Amino acid sequence: MNDREHILIKKSIKGDIDAFEKLIEKHEKRAYNIALKMLKNPDDAMDVSQEALIKVYRYIKGFNEKSSFSTWLYRIVVNTCIDYLRKNKERHYSLDNPINTSEGEIKREVADDTSSPEKELEKTLNKELIHSSINKLEDIHKTVIILRDIEGFSYEEIAKILDCSLGTVKSRIKRGRDNLKQIIVKEMEHYDETVV
């Protein structure tokens, strides 16, 4: 923790909102990205990441300054996402759903920066396959796969974020990857059957 962050934390603990905003400024985007990867919906990700940051502000008085602030913050983001997923198990979203705005509904459009339709279709199908397969994992495996393979956190950082041992993280990642492979293989077999 650098001196500036230490000062901002001290001021935030005393209720200084300006100091808190400066403190979380560099973490907001990553908090949102983690939420987006876990929830698969921009609106939900924005709501949940904001809820997590409100929790950070509310509980900052209990923050142990011997640990990393960013790790503590991301743990709150992940836990808030997991809570949200548990409460909203049956909600699903599609690119076919319109975006609701104050002006009405807008159809979702995907930019076309492709080199060839075939390559783009293959890329899209692979991405969809991977993301839909990740979503079929149990929450404990889904979370570690997102944190490690998508967000790029180290094993040590994940252990701190999830408040568990390094061995547990490694075990969950291994099981998660093994389960993910099995899901992808099944999906590929199903796809091949429907194409034939």
N, C-alpha and C. Protein backbone atom coordinates (compact mmCIF):
# COMPACT_ATOMS: atom_id res chain seq x y z
N MET A 1 0.85 -1.18 0.00
CA MET A 1 0.00 0.00 0.00
C MET A 1 0.89 1.24 0.00
N ASN A 2 0.66 2.16 -0.94
CA ASN A 2 1.47 3.37 -0.99
C ASN A 2 0.94 4.42 -0.01
N ASP A 3 1.73 5.47 0.18
CA ASP A 3 1.37 6.51 1.15
C ASP A 3 0.07 7.21 0.80
N ARG A 4 -0.11 7.49 -0.49
CA ARG A 4 -1.33 8.19 -0.94
C ARG A 4 -2.57 7.35 -0.61
N GLU A 5 -2.49 6.05 -0.93
CA GLU A 5 -3.62 5.15 -0.66
C GLU A 5 -3.89 5.08 0.84
N HIS A 6 -2.84 5.00 1.63
CA HIS A 6 -2.96 4.94 3.09
C HIS A 6 -3.69 6.19 3.62
N ILE A 7 -3.31 7.35 3.11
CA ILE A 7 -3.95 8.61 3.53
C ILE A 7 -5.42 8.63 3.13
N LEU A 8 -5.70 8.20 1.89
CA LEU A 8 -7.08 8.17 1.40
C LEU A 8 -7.94 7.20 2.22
N ILE A 9 -7.36 6.08 2.61
CA ILE A 9 -8.10 5.11 3.44
C ILE A 9 -8.42 5.74 4.79
N LYS A 10 -7.42 6.38 5.40
CA LYS A 10 -7.63 7.02 6.71
C LYS A 10 -8.75 8.06 6.64
N LYS A 11 -8.72 8.89 5.58
CA LYS A 11 -9.75 9.92 5.40
C LYS A 11 -11.12 9.28 5.14
N SER A 12 -11.12 8.21 4.36
CA SER A 12 -12.38 7.52 4.04
C SER A 12 -13.00 6.93 5.30
N ILE A 13 -12.16 6.38 6.16
CA ILE A 13 -12.63 5.81 7.42
C ILE A 13 -13.32 6.89 8.26
N LYS A 14 -12.83 8.12 8.14
CA LYS A 14 -13.42 9.24 8.90
C LYS A 14 -14.65 9.81 8.20
N GLY A 15 -15.02 9.22 7.04
CA GLY A 15 -16.25 9.65 6.36
C GLY A 15 -16.05 10.64 5.23
N ASP A 16 -14.81 10.89 4.81
CA ASP A 16 -14.52 11.83 3.72
C ASP A 16 -14.88 11.18 2.37
N ILE A 17 -16.00 11.61 1.79
CA ILE A 17 -16.49 11.01 0.54
C ILE A 17 -15.56 11.32 -0.63
N ASP A 18 -15.01 12.53 -0.68
CA ASP A 18 -14.07 12.89 -1.76
C ASP A 18 -12.85 11.97 -1.74
N ALA A 19 -12.32 11.72 -0.56
CA ALA A 19 -11.17 10.82 -0.42
C ALA A 19 -11.54 9.41 -0.87
N PHE A 20 -12.74 8.97 -0.51
CA PHE A 20 -13.19 7.63 -0.90
C PHE A 20 -13.31 7.52 -2.42
N GLU A 21 -13.86 8.54 -3.05
CA GLU A 21 -14.01 8.52 -4.52
C GLU A 21 -12.63 8.43 -5.19
N LYS A 22 -11.66 9.16 -4.66
CA LYS A 22 -10.29 9.08 -5.20
C LYS A 22 -9.69 7.69 -4.96
N LEU A 23 -10.00 7.12 -3.82
CA LEU A 23 -9.47 5.81 -3.44
C LEU A 23 -9.96 4.71 -4.39
N ILE A 24 -11.24 4.75 -4.74
CA ILE A 24 -11.79 3.67 -5.57
C ILE A 24 -11.71 3.96 -7.07
N GLU A 25 -11.30 5.17 -7.42
CA GLU A 25 -11.25 5.59 -8.83
C GLU A 25 -10.57 4.56 -9.74
N LYS A 26 -9.40 4.09 -9.34
CA LYS A 26 -8.65 3.16 -10.20
C LYS A 26 -9.19 1.73 -10.16
N HIS A 27 -10.12 1.45 -9.25
CA HIS A 27 -10.66 0.10 -9.11
C HIS A 27 -12.04 -0.07 -9.73
N GLU A 28 -12.72 1.03 -10.03
CA GLU A 28 -14.11 0.96 -10.50
C GLU A 28 -14.26 0.16 -11.79
N LYS A 29 -13.37 0.41 -12.74
CA LYS A 29 -13.49 -0.26 -14.04
C LYS A 29 -13.29 -1.78 -13.89
N ARG A 30 -12.29 -2.17 -13.13
CA ARG A 30 -12.04 -3.61 -12.96
C ARG A 30 -13.17 -4.26 -12.16
N ALA A 31 -13.70 -3.55 -11.17
CA ALA A 31 -14.84 -4.06 -10.41
C ALA A 31 -16.01 -4.32 -11.35
N TYR A 32 -16.26 -3.36 -12.23
CA TYR A 32 -17.35 -3.52 -13.21
C TYR A 32 -17.07 -4.70 -14.14
N ASN A 33 -15.82 -4.81 -14.63
CA ASN A 33 -15.46 -5.90 -15.55
C ASN A 33 -15.63 -7.28 -14.90
N ILE A 34 -15.25 -7.39 -13.64
CA ILE A 34 -15.44 -8.65 -12.92
C ILE A 34 -16.94 -8.96 -12.84
N ALA A 35 -17.73 -7.97 -12.46
CA ALA A 35 -19.18 -8.16 -12.36
C ALA A 35 -19.77 -8.53 -13.72
N LEU A 36 -19.32 -7.87 -14.77
CA LEU A 36 -19.85 -8.15 -16.11
C LEU A 36 -19.53 -9.58 -16.53
N LYS A 37 -18.32 -10.03 -16.26
CA LYS A 37 -17.94 -11.40 -16.64
C LYS A 37 -18.75 -12.42 -15.84
N MET A 38 -19.05 -12.10 -14.60
CA MET A 38 -19.80 -13.04 -13.76
C MET A 38 -21.30 -13.02 -14.05
N LEU A 39 -21.83 -11.84 -14.39
CA LEU A 39 -23.29 -11.70 -14.51
C LEU A 39 -23.77 -11.68 -15.96
N LYS A 40 -22.88 -11.39 -16.91
CA LYS A 40 -23.21 -11.42 -18.34
C LYS A 40 -24.26 -10.39 -18.76
N ASN A 41 -24.45 -9.35 -17.99
CA ASN A 41 -25.41 -8.31 -18.35
C ASN A 41 -24.87 -6.96 -17.89
N PRO A 42 -24.71 -6.02 -18.83
CA PRO A 42 -24.12 -4.72 -18.46
C PRO A 42 -24.89 -3.97 -17.37
N ASP A 43 -26.22 -3.98 -17.45
CA ASP A 43 -27.01 -3.27 -16.44
C ASP A 43 -26.85 -3.89 -15.06
N ASP A 44 -26.93 -5.22 -15.00
CA ASP A 44 -26.74 -5.91 -13.73
C ASP A 44 -25.33 -5.69 -13.19
N ALA A 45 -24.35 -5.74 -14.09
CA ALA A 45 -22.95 -5.55 -13.68
C ALA A 45 -22.76 -4.16 -13.09
N MET A 46 -23.37 -3.16 -13.72
CA MET A 46 -23.26 -1.79 -13.21
C MET A 46 -23.91 -1.69 -11.83
N ASP A 47 -25.13 -2.24 -11.71
CA ASP A 47 -25.84 -2.18 -10.42
C ASP A 47 -25.07 -2.91 -9.33
N VAL A 48 -24.60 -4.12 -9.64
CA VAL A 48 -23.93 -4.93 -8.62
C VAL A 48 -22.57 -4.35 -8.26
N SER A 49 -21.82 -3.86 -9.25
CA SER A 49 -20.51 -3.27 -8.92
C SER A 49 -20.71 -2.01 -8.08
N GLN A 50 -21.76 -1.22 -8.37
CA GLN A 50 -22.04 -0.04 -7.55
C GLN A 50 -22.46 -0.44 -6.13
N GLU A 51 -23.28 -1.49 -6.05
CA GLU A 51 -23.68 -2.00 -4.73
C GLU A 51 -22.46 -2.44 -3.94
N ALA A 52 -21.52 -3.11 -4.63
CA ALA A 52 -20.29 -3.57 -3.96
C ALA A 52 -19.47 -2.39 -3.46
N LEU A 53 -19.37 -1.33 -4.27
CA LEU A 53 -18.60 -0.15 -3.86
C LEU A 53 -19.27 0.57 -2.69
N ILE A 54 -20.59 0.53 -2.65
CA ILE A 54 -21.30 1.10 -1.50
C ILE A 54 -20.97 0.28 -0.25
N LYS A 55 -20.91 -1.04 -0.40
CA LYS A 55 -20.53 -1.90 0.72
C LYS A 55 -19.11 -1.58 1.18
N VAL A 56 -18.21 -1.35 0.22
CA VAL A 56 -16.82 -1.01 0.56
C VAL A 56 -16.82 0.26 1.42
N TYR A 57 -17.58 1.26 1.02
CA TYR A 57 -17.65 2.51 1.78
C TYR A 57 -18.25 2.26 3.17
N ARG A 58 -19.31 1.46 3.20
CA ARG A 58 -20.00 1.19 4.46
C ARG A 58 -19.10 0.44 5.45
N TYR A 59 -18.29 -0.49 4.92
CA TYR A 59 -17.50 -1.35 5.80
C TYR A 59 -16.02 -0.98 5.88
N ILE A 60 -15.65 0.16 5.32
CA ILE A 60 -14.22 0.51 5.29
C ILE A 60 -13.64 0.67 6.69
N LYS A 61 -14.48 0.98 7.64
CA LYS A 61 -13.98 1.12 9.02
C LYS A 61 -13.45 -0.20 9.55
N GLY A 62 -13.93 -1.31 9.01
CA GLY A 62 -13.47 -2.63 9.43
C GLY A 62 -12.30 -3.16 8.59
N PHE A 63 -11.83 -2.35 7.62
CA PHE A 63 -10.73 -2.80 6.76
C PHE A 63 -9.44 -2.90 7.57
N ASN A 64 -8.78 -4.05 7.43
CA ASN A 64 -7.50 -4.29 8.11
C ASN A 64 -6.39 -3.78 7.19
N GLU A 65 -5.75 -2.69 7.58
CA GLU A 65 -4.76 -2.06 6.71
C GLU A 65 -3.50 -2.89 6.48
N LYS A 66 -3.39 -4.02 7.14
CA LYS A 66 -2.24 -4.90 6.89
C LYS A 66 -2.42 -5.67 5.59
N SER A 67 -3.67 -5.78 5.13
CA SER A 67 -3.92 -6.49 3.87
C SER A 67 -4.06 -5.49 2.72
N SER A 68 -4.12 -6.01 1.51
CA SER A 68 -4.22 -5.17 0.32
C SER A 68 -5.64 -4.64 0.16
N PHE A 69 -5.76 -3.33 -0.06
CA PHE A 69 -7.08 -2.73 -0.24
C PHE A 69 -7.77 -3.28 -1.48
N SER A 70 -7.02 -3.41 -2.58
CA SER A 70 -7.63 -3.88 -3.83
C SER A 70 -8.16 -5.30 -3.69
N THR A 71 -7.42 -6.15 -3.01
CA THR A 71 -7.87 -7.53 -2.80
C THR A 71 -9.15 -7.55 -1.97
N TRP A 72 -9.19 -6.74 -0.93
CA TRP A 72 -10.37 -6.64 -0.09
C TRP A 72 -11.57 -6.15 -0.90
N LEU A 73 -11.35 -5.12 -1.72
CA LEU A 73 -12.42 -4.57 -2.56
C LEU A 73 -12.94 -5.62 -3.55
N TYR A 74 -12.03 -6.33 -4.24
CA TYR A 74 -12.47 -7.32 -5.23
C TYR A 74 -13.18 -8.50 -4.58
N ARG A 75 -12.81 -8.82 -3.35
CA ARG A 75 -13.51 -9.88 -2.62
C ARG A 75 -14.97 -9.47 -2.41
N ILE A 76 -15.18 -8.21 -2.06
CA ILE A 76 -16.54 -7.72 -1.87
C ILE A 76 -17.31 -7.75 -3.19
N VAL A 77 -16.65 -7.38 -4.29
CA VAL A 77 -17.30 -7.42 -5.61
C VAL A 77 -17.72 -8.86 -5.94
N VAL A 78 -16.80 -9.80 -5.80
CA VAL A 78 -17.08 -11.20 -6.12
C VAL A 78 -18.22 -11.73 -5.25
N ASN A 79 -18.16 -11.47 -3.95
CA ASN A 79 -19.21 -11.96 -3.05
C ASN A 79 -20.57 -11.34 -3.37
N THR A 80 -20.58 -10.06 -3.74
CA THR A 80 -21.83 -9.39 -4.11
C THR A 80 -22.40 -10.02 -5.38
N CYS A 81 -21.53 -10.35 -6.34
CA CYS A 81 -21.97 -11.02 -7.57
C CYS A 81 -22.54 -12.40 -7.26
N ILE A 82 -21.85 -13.15 -6.41
CA ILE A 82 -22.32 -14.49 -6.05
C ILE A 82 -23.69 -14.41 -5.37
N ASP A 83 -23.85 -13.45 -4.46
CA ASP A 83 -25.15 -13.26 -3.80
C ASP A 83 -26.23 -12.94 -4.83
N TYR A 84 -25.90 -12.08 -5.76
CA TYR A 84 -26.87 -11.70 -6.80
C TYR A 84 -27.25 -12.91 -7.66
N LEU A 85 -26.25 -13.70 -8.04
CA LEU A 85 -26.51 -14.88 -8.86
C LEU A 85 -27.41 -15.88 -8.13
N ARG A 86 -27.18 -16.04 -6.85
CA ARG A 86 -28.01 -16.96 -6.06
C ARG A 86 -29.46 -16.48 -5.99
N LYS A 87 -29.64 -15.17 -5.87
CA LYS A 87 -30.99 -14.61 -5.78
C LYS A 87 -31.71 -14.65 -7.13
N ASN A 88 -30.95 -14.59 -8.21
CA ASN A 88 -31.54 -14.48 -9.54
C ASN A 88 -31.15 -15.64 -10.44
N LYS A 89 -31.18 -16.83 -9.90
CA LYS A 89 -30.72 -18.04 -10.61
C LYS A 89 -31.36 -18.21 -11.98
N GLU A 90 -32.62 -17.88 -12.10
CA GLU A 90 -33.35 -18.20 -13.33
C GLU A 90 -33.33 -17.10 -14.38
N ARG A 91 -32.68 -15.98 -14.12
CA ARG A 91 -32.67 -14.90 -15.11
C ARG A 91 -31.64 -15.17 -16.19
N HIS A 92 -32.05 -15.04 -17.44
CA HIS A 92 -31.15 -15.23 -18.57
C HIS A 92 -31.30 -14.05 -19.51
N TYR A 93 -30.24 -13.75 -20.24
CA TYR A 93 -30.25 -12.63 -21.16
C TYR A 93 -29.77 -13.07 -22.52
N SER A 94 -30.20 -12.35 -23.51
CA SER A 94 -29.83 -12.68 -24.88
C SER A 94 -29.48 -11.40 -25.61
N LEU A 95 -28.64 -11.52 -26.63
CA LEU A 95 -28.35 -10.37 -27.47
C LEU A 95 -29.58 -9.95 -28.26
N ASP A 96 -30.56 -10.83 -28.35
CA ASP A 96 -31.80 -10.50 -29.06
C ASP A 96 -32.67 -9.54 -28.25
N ASN A 97 -32.47 -9.49 -26.92
CA ASN A 97 -33.27 -8.59 -26.09
C ASN A 97 -32.87 -7.15 -26.36
N PRO A 98 -33.85 -6.26 -26.50
CA PRO A 98 -33.52 -4.85 -26.74
C PRO A 98 -32.99 -4.18 -25.47
N ILE A 99 -32.33 -3.05 -25.66
CA ILE A 99 -31.84 -2.25 -24.54
C ILE A 99 -32.92 -1.23 -24.22
N ASN A 100 -33.33 -1.15 -22.96
CA ASN A 100 -34.35 -0.19 -22.56
C ASN A 100 -33.69 1.13 -22.18
N THR A 101 -34.16 2.21 -22.77
CA THR A 101 -33.66 3.54 -22.46
C THR A 101 -34.84 4.44 -22.13
N SER A 102 -34.57 5.67 -21.73
CA SER A 102 -35.65 6.61 -21.44
C SER A 102 -36.40 6.99 -22.71
N GLU A 103 -35.76 6.81 -23.88
CA GLU A 103 -36.37 7.11 -25.17
C GLU A 103 -37.20 5.94 -25.70
N GLY A 104 -37.11 4.78 -25.07
CA GLY A 104 -37.79 3.59 -25.53
C GLY A 104 -36.81 2.45 -25.70
N GLU A 105 -37.17 1.46 -26.52
CA GLU A 105 -36.31 0.30 -26.72
C GLU A 105 -35.41 0.51 -27.93
N ILE A 106 -34.16 0.02 -27.80
CA ILE A 106 -33.21 0.08 -28.91
C ILE A 106 -32.74 -1.34 -29.18
N LYS A 107 -32.76 -1.71 -30.46
CA LYS A 107 -32.29 -3.04 -30.82
C LYS A 107 -30.77 -3.10 -30.65
N ARG A 108 -30.28 -4.21 -30.08
CA ARG A 108 -28.84 -4.38 -29.91
C ARG A 108 -28.21 -4.62 -31.28
N GLU A 109 -27.10 -3.95 -31.50
CA GLU A 109 -26.37 -4.14 -32.75
C GLU A 109 -24.94 -4.49 -32.43
N VAL A 110 -24.39 -5.40 -33.19
CA VAL A 110 -23.01 -5.82 -33.00
C VAL A 110 -22.21 -5.27 -34.18
N ALA A 111 -21.12 -4.56 -33.87
CA ALA A 111 -20.30 -3.96 -34.93
C ALA A 111 -19.71 -5.03 -35.84
N ASP A 112 -19.62 -4.69 -37.11
CA ASP A 112 -19.08 -5.63 -38.09
C ASP A 112 -17.68 -5.20 -38.51
N ASP A 113 -16.68 -5.74 -37.83
CA ASP A 113 -15.29 -5.44 -38.18
C ASP A 113 -14.59 -6.74 -38.58
N THR A 114 -15.30 -7.55 -39.34
CA THR A 114 -14.83 -8.88 -39.68
C THR A 114 -13.99 -8.88 -40.95
N SER A 115 -13.14 -9.89 -41.04
CA SER A 115 -12.38 -10.07 -42.26
C SER A 115 -13.12 -10.99 -43.20
N SER A 116 -13.82 -11.99 -42.63
CA SER A 116 -14.66 -12.86 -43.46
C SER A 116 -15.80 -13.40 -42.61
N PRO A 117 -16.96 -13.58 -43.22
CA PRO A 117 -18.11 -14.07 -42.45
C PRO A 117 -17.85 -15.43 -41.80
N GLU A 118 -17.15 -16.30 -42.48
CA GLU A 118 -16.89 -17.64 -41.93
C GLU A 118 -16.03 -17.59 -40.67
N LYS A 119 -14.94 -16.80 -40.75
CA LYS A 119 -14.05 -16.69 -39.59
C LYS A 119 -14.77 -16.04 -38.42
N GLU A 120 -15.57 -15.04 -38.72
CA GLU A 120 -16.28 -14.34 -37.66
C GLU A 120 -17.33 -15.25 -37.02
N LEU A 121 -18.00 -16.05 -37.82
CA LEU A 121 -18.98 -16.99 -37.29
C LEU A 121 -18.30 -18.01 -36.38
N GLU A 122 -17.17 -18.51 -36.84
CA GLU A 122 -16.42 -19.49 -36.04
C GLU A 122 -15.98 -18.88 -34.71
N LYS A 123 -15.46 -17.65 -34.77
CA LYS A 123 -15.02 -16.96 -33.56
C LYS A 123 -16.19 -16.75 -32.60
N THR A 124 -17.32 -16.32 -33.16
CA THR A 124 -18.51 -16.06 -32.35
C THR A 124 -19.01 -17.35 -31.71
N LEU A 125 -19.07 -18.42 -32.50
CA LEU A 125 -19.54 -19.70 -31.96
C LEU A 125 -18.61 -20.20 -30.86
N ASN A 126 -17.29 -20.06 -31.06
CA ASN A 126 -16.34 -20.48 -30.03
C ASN A 126 -16.50 -19.67 -28.75
N LYS A 127 -16.66 -18.35 -28.89
CA LYS A 127 -16.84 -17.48 -27.74
C LYS A 127 -18.13 -17.85 -27.00
N GLU A 128 -19.19 -18.01 -27.78
CA GLU A 128 -20.48 -18.36 -27.18
C GLU A 128 -20.39 -19.72 -26.47
N LEU A 129 -19.72 -20.65 -27.11
CA LEU A 129 -19.55 -21.99 -26.52
C LEU A 129 -18.81 -21.89 -25.19
N ILE A 130 -17.72 -21.15 -25.18
CA ILE A 130 -16.93 -21.01 -23.95
C ILE A 130 -17.74 -20.30 -22.87
N HIS A 131 -18.37 -19.17 -23.23
CA HIS A 131 -19.13 -18.42 -22.21
C HIS A 131 -20.33 -19.21 -21.71
N SER A 132 -21.04 -19.88 -22.60
CA SER A 132 -22.20 -20.66 -22.13
C SER A 132 -21.73 -21.85 -21.29
N SER A 133 -20.57 -22.41 -21.64
CA SER A 133 -20.02 -23.52 -20.85
C SER A 133 -19.57 -23.04 -19.48
N ILE A 134 -18.94 -21.88 -19.40
CA ILE A 134 -18.53 -21.31 -18.10
C ILE A 134 -19.76 -21.09 -17.23
N ASN A 135 -20.84 -20.61 -17.84
CA ASN A 135 -22.07 -20.35 -17.09
C ASN A 135 -22.70 -21.61 -16.53
N LYS A 136 -22.36 -22.77 -17.09
CA LYS A 136 -22.91 -24.04 -16.60
C LYS A 136 -22.12 -24.61 -15.42
N LEU A 137 -20.98 -24.01 -15.13
CA LEU A 137 -20.18 -24.46 -13.99
C LEU A 137 -20.86 -24.09 -12.68
N GLU A 138 -20.54 -24.84 -11.62
CA GLU A 138 -21.00 -24.45 -10.28
C GLU A 138 -20.36 -23.10 -9.96
N ASP A 139 -21.04 -22.32 -9.11
CA ASP A 139 -20.56 -20.97 -8.79
C ASP A 139 -19.11 -20.94 -8.31
N ILE A 140 -18.72 -21.91 -7.45
CA ILE A 140 -17.35 -21.87 -6.91
C ILE A 140 -16.31 -22.06 -8.02
N HIS A 141 -16.63 -22.89 -9.01
CA HIS A 141 -15.70 -23.11 -10.12
C HIS A 141 -15.77 -21.97 -11.13
N LYS A 142 -16.97 -21.50 -11.38
CA LYS A 142 -17.17 -20.38 -12.32
C LYS A 142 -16.38 -19.15 -11.84
N THR A 143 -16.47 -18.86 -10.56
CA THR A 143 -15.80 -17.68 -10.00
C THR A 143 -14.29 -17.76 -10.18
N VAL A 144 -13.68 -18.90 -9.84
CA VAL A 144 -12.22 -18.99 -9.95
C VAL A 144 -11.76 -18.97 -11.41
N ILE A 145 -12.54 -19.57 -12.32
CA ILE A 145 -12.18 -19.55 -13.74
C ILE A 145 -12.22 -18.12 -14.27
N ILE A 146 -13.25 -17.37 -13.90
CA ILE A 146 -13.34 -15.97 -14.33
C ILE A 146 -12.18 -15.16 -13.76
N LEU A 147 -11.92 -15.32 -12.46
CA LEU A 147 -10.84 -14.54 -11.84
C LEU A 147 -9.47 -14.88 -12.41
N ARG A 148 -9.22 -16.17 -12.67
CA ARG A 148 -7.90 -16.59 -13.15
C ARG A 148 -7.75 -16.45 -14.67
N ASP A 149 -8.65 -17.09 -15.40
CA ASP A 149 -8.46 -17.20 -16.85
C ASP A 149 -9.00 -16.02 -17.65
N ILE A 150 -9.94 -15.29 -17.09
CA ILE A 150 -10.47 -14.13 -17.82
C ILE A 150 -9.90 -12.83 -17.27
N GLU A 151 -9.91 -12.67 -15.95
CA GLU A 151 -9.41 -11.44 -15.34
C GLU A 151 -7.90 -11.45 -15.08
N GLY A 152 -7.29 -12.64 -15.07
CA GLY A 152 -5.84 -12.72 -14.95
C GLY A 152 -5.26 -12.53 -13.55
N PHE A 153 -6.07 -12.73 -12.52
CA PHE A 153 -5.54 -12.64 -11.15
C PHE A 153 -4.61 -13.81 -10.88
N SER A 154 -3.62 -13.59 -10.04
CA SER A 154 -2.71 -14.68 -9.65
C SER A 154 -3.43 -15.59 -8.66
N TYR A 155 -2.88 -16.80 -8.46
CA TYR A 155 -3.46 -17.73 -7.50
C TYR A 155 -3.52 -17.09 -6.11
N GLU A 156 -2.46 -16.38 -5.75
CA GLU A 156 -2.39 -15.75 -4.43
C GLU A 156 -3.47 -14.68 -4.27
N GLU A 157 -3.66 -13.88 -5.34
CA GLU A 157 -4.68 -12.83 -5.28
C GLU A 157 -6.08 -13.45 -5.15
N ILE A 158 -6.31 -14.53 -5.88
CA ILE A 158 -7.62 -15.20 -5.82
C ILE A 158 -7.85 -15.75 -4.41
N ALA A 159 -6.81 -16.33 -3.81
CA ALA A 159 -6.94 -16.85 -2.44
C ALA A 159 -7.33 -15.74 -1.48
N LYS A 160 -6.75 -14.56 -1.66
CA LYS A 160 -7.09 -13.43 -0.79
C LYS A 160 -8.50 -12.92 -1.07
N ILE A 161 -8.85 -12.82 -2.37
CA ILE A 161 -10.19 -12.33 -2.74
C ILE A 161 -11.27 -13.25 -2.19
N LEU A 162 -11.06 -14.56 -2.31
CA LEU A 162 -12.06 -15.52 -1.88
C LEU A 162 -11.89 -15.93 -0.42
N ASP A 163 -10.83 -15.44 0.20
CA ASP A 163 -10.55 -15.73 1.61
C ASP A 163 -10.48 -17.24 1.86
N CYS A 164 -9.63 -17.89 1.05
CA CYS A 164 -9.42 -19.33 1.22
C CYS A 164 -7.94 -19.64 0.97
N SER A 165 -7.55 -20.88 1.19
CA SER A 165 -6.14 -21.23 1.05
C SER A 165 -5.74 -21.33 -0.42
N LEU A 166 -4.43 -21.23 -0.67
CA LEU A 166 -3.88 -21.35 -2.01
C LEU A 166 -4.20 -22.73 -2.58
N GLY A 167 -4.12 -23.76 -1.74
CA GLY A 167 -4.43 -25.12 -2.17
C GLY A 167 -5.88 -25.25 -2.64
N THR A 168 -6.78 -24.59 -1.92
CA THR A 168 -8.20 -24.61 -2.30
C THR A 168 -8.40 -23.96 -3.66
N VAL A 169 -7.72 -22.83 -3.87
CA VAL A 169 -7.82 -22.12 -5.16
C VAL A 169 -7.33 -23.02 -6.29
N LYS A 170 -6.15 -23.62 -6.10
CA LYS A 170 -5.58 -24.48 -7.15
C LYS A 170 -6.50 -25.66 -7.44
N SER A 171 -7.04 -26.24 -6.39
CA SER A 171 -7.95 -27.38 -6.53
C SER A 171 -9.22 -26.97 -7.29
N ARG A 172 -9.80 -25.81 -6.91
CA ARG A 172 -11.02 -25.35 -7.58
C ARG A 172 -10.76 -25.03 -9.04
N ILE A 173 -9.61 -24.42 -9.33
CA ILE A 173 -9.28 -24.09 -10.72
C ILE A 173 -9.11 -25.37 -11.52
N LYS A 174 -8.41 -26.35 -10.96
CA LYS A 174 -8.22 -27.62 -11.67
C LYS A 174 -9.56 -28.29 -11.94
N ARG A 175 -10.40 -28.39 -10.89
CA ARG A 175 -11.72 -29.01 -11.07
C ARG A 175 -12.58 -28.22 -12.04
N GLY A 176 -12.50 -26.89 -11.91
CA GLY A 176 -13.28 -26.03 -12.80
C GLY A 176 -12.89 -26.22 -14.25
N ARG A 177 -11.57 -26.26 -14.50
CA ARG A 177 -11.10 -26.46 -15.88
C ARG A 177 -11.47 -27.84 -16.40
N ASP A 178 -11.34 -28.86 -15.55
CA ASP A 178 -11.73 -30.22 -15.95
C ASP A 178 -13.22 -30.28 -16.29
N ASN A 179 -14.03 -29.69 -15.41
CA ASN A 179 -15.48 -29.67 -15.66
C ASN A 179 -15.81 -28.88 -16.92
N LEU A 180 -15.10 -27.77 -17.12
CA LEU A 180 -15.32 -26.93 -18.30
C LEU A 180 -15.01 -27.72 -19.57
N LYS A 181 -13.91 -28.47 -19.56
CA LYS A 181 -13.56 -29.30 -20.72
C LYS A 181 -14.68 -30.30 -21.02
N GLN A 182 -15.18 -30.95 -19.97
CA GLN A 182 -16.26 -31.94 -20.16
C GLN A 182 -17.51 -31.29 -20.73
N ILE A 183 -17.85 -30.12 -20.22
CA ILE A 183 -19.03 -29.41 -20.71
C ILE A 183 -18.85 -29.04 -22.19
N ILE A 184 -17.66 -28.53 -22.53
CA ILE A 184 -17.39 -28.13 -23.92
C ILE A 184 -17.45 -29.34 -24.85
N VAL A 185 -16.87 -30.47 -24.42
CA VAL A 185 -16.91 -31.69 -25.24
C VAL A 185 -18.36 -32.11 -25.48
N LYS A 186 -19.18 -32.10 -24.42
CA LYS A 186 -20.59 -32.46 -24.57
C LYS A 186 -21.31 -31.51 -25.51
N GLU A 187 -21.02 -30.22 -25.36
CA GLU A 187 -21.65 -29.21 -26.22
C GLU A 187 -21.26 -29.42 -27.68
N MET A 188 -19.98 -29.74 -27.90
CA MET A 188 -19.48 -29.98 -29.26
C MET A 188 -20.17 -31.22 -29.85
N GLU A 189 -20.31 -32.28 -29.04
CA GLU A 189 -20.97 -33.50 -29.51
C GLU A 189 -22.43 -33.20 -29.88
N HIS A 190 -23.08 -32.41 -29.01
CA HIS A 190 -24.47 -32.06 -29.27
C HIS A 190 -24.58 -31.23 -30.55
N TYR A 191 -23.64 -30.30 -30.71
CA TYR A 191 -23.63 -29.45 -31.91
C TYR A 191 -23.43 -30.31 -33.17
N ASP A 192 -22.48 -31.24 -33.12
CA ASP A 192 -22.21 -32.10 -34.26
C ASP A 192 -23.46 -32.94 -34.62
N GLU A 193 -24.16 -33.41 -33.60
CA GLU A 193 -25.38 -34.20 -33.84
C GLU A 193 -26.47 -33.38 -34.51
N THR A 194 -26.60 -32.11 -34.10
CA THR A 194 -27.66 -31.27 -34.67
C THR A 194 -27.32 -30.82 -36.08
N VAL A 195 -26.01 -30.69 -36.38
CA VAL A 195 -25.59 -30.27 -37.72
C VAL A 195 -25.74 -31.40 -38.73
N VAL A 196 -25.45 -32.66 -38.28
CA VAL A 196 -25.50 -33.83 -39.17
C VAL A 196 -26.90 -34.20 -39.54
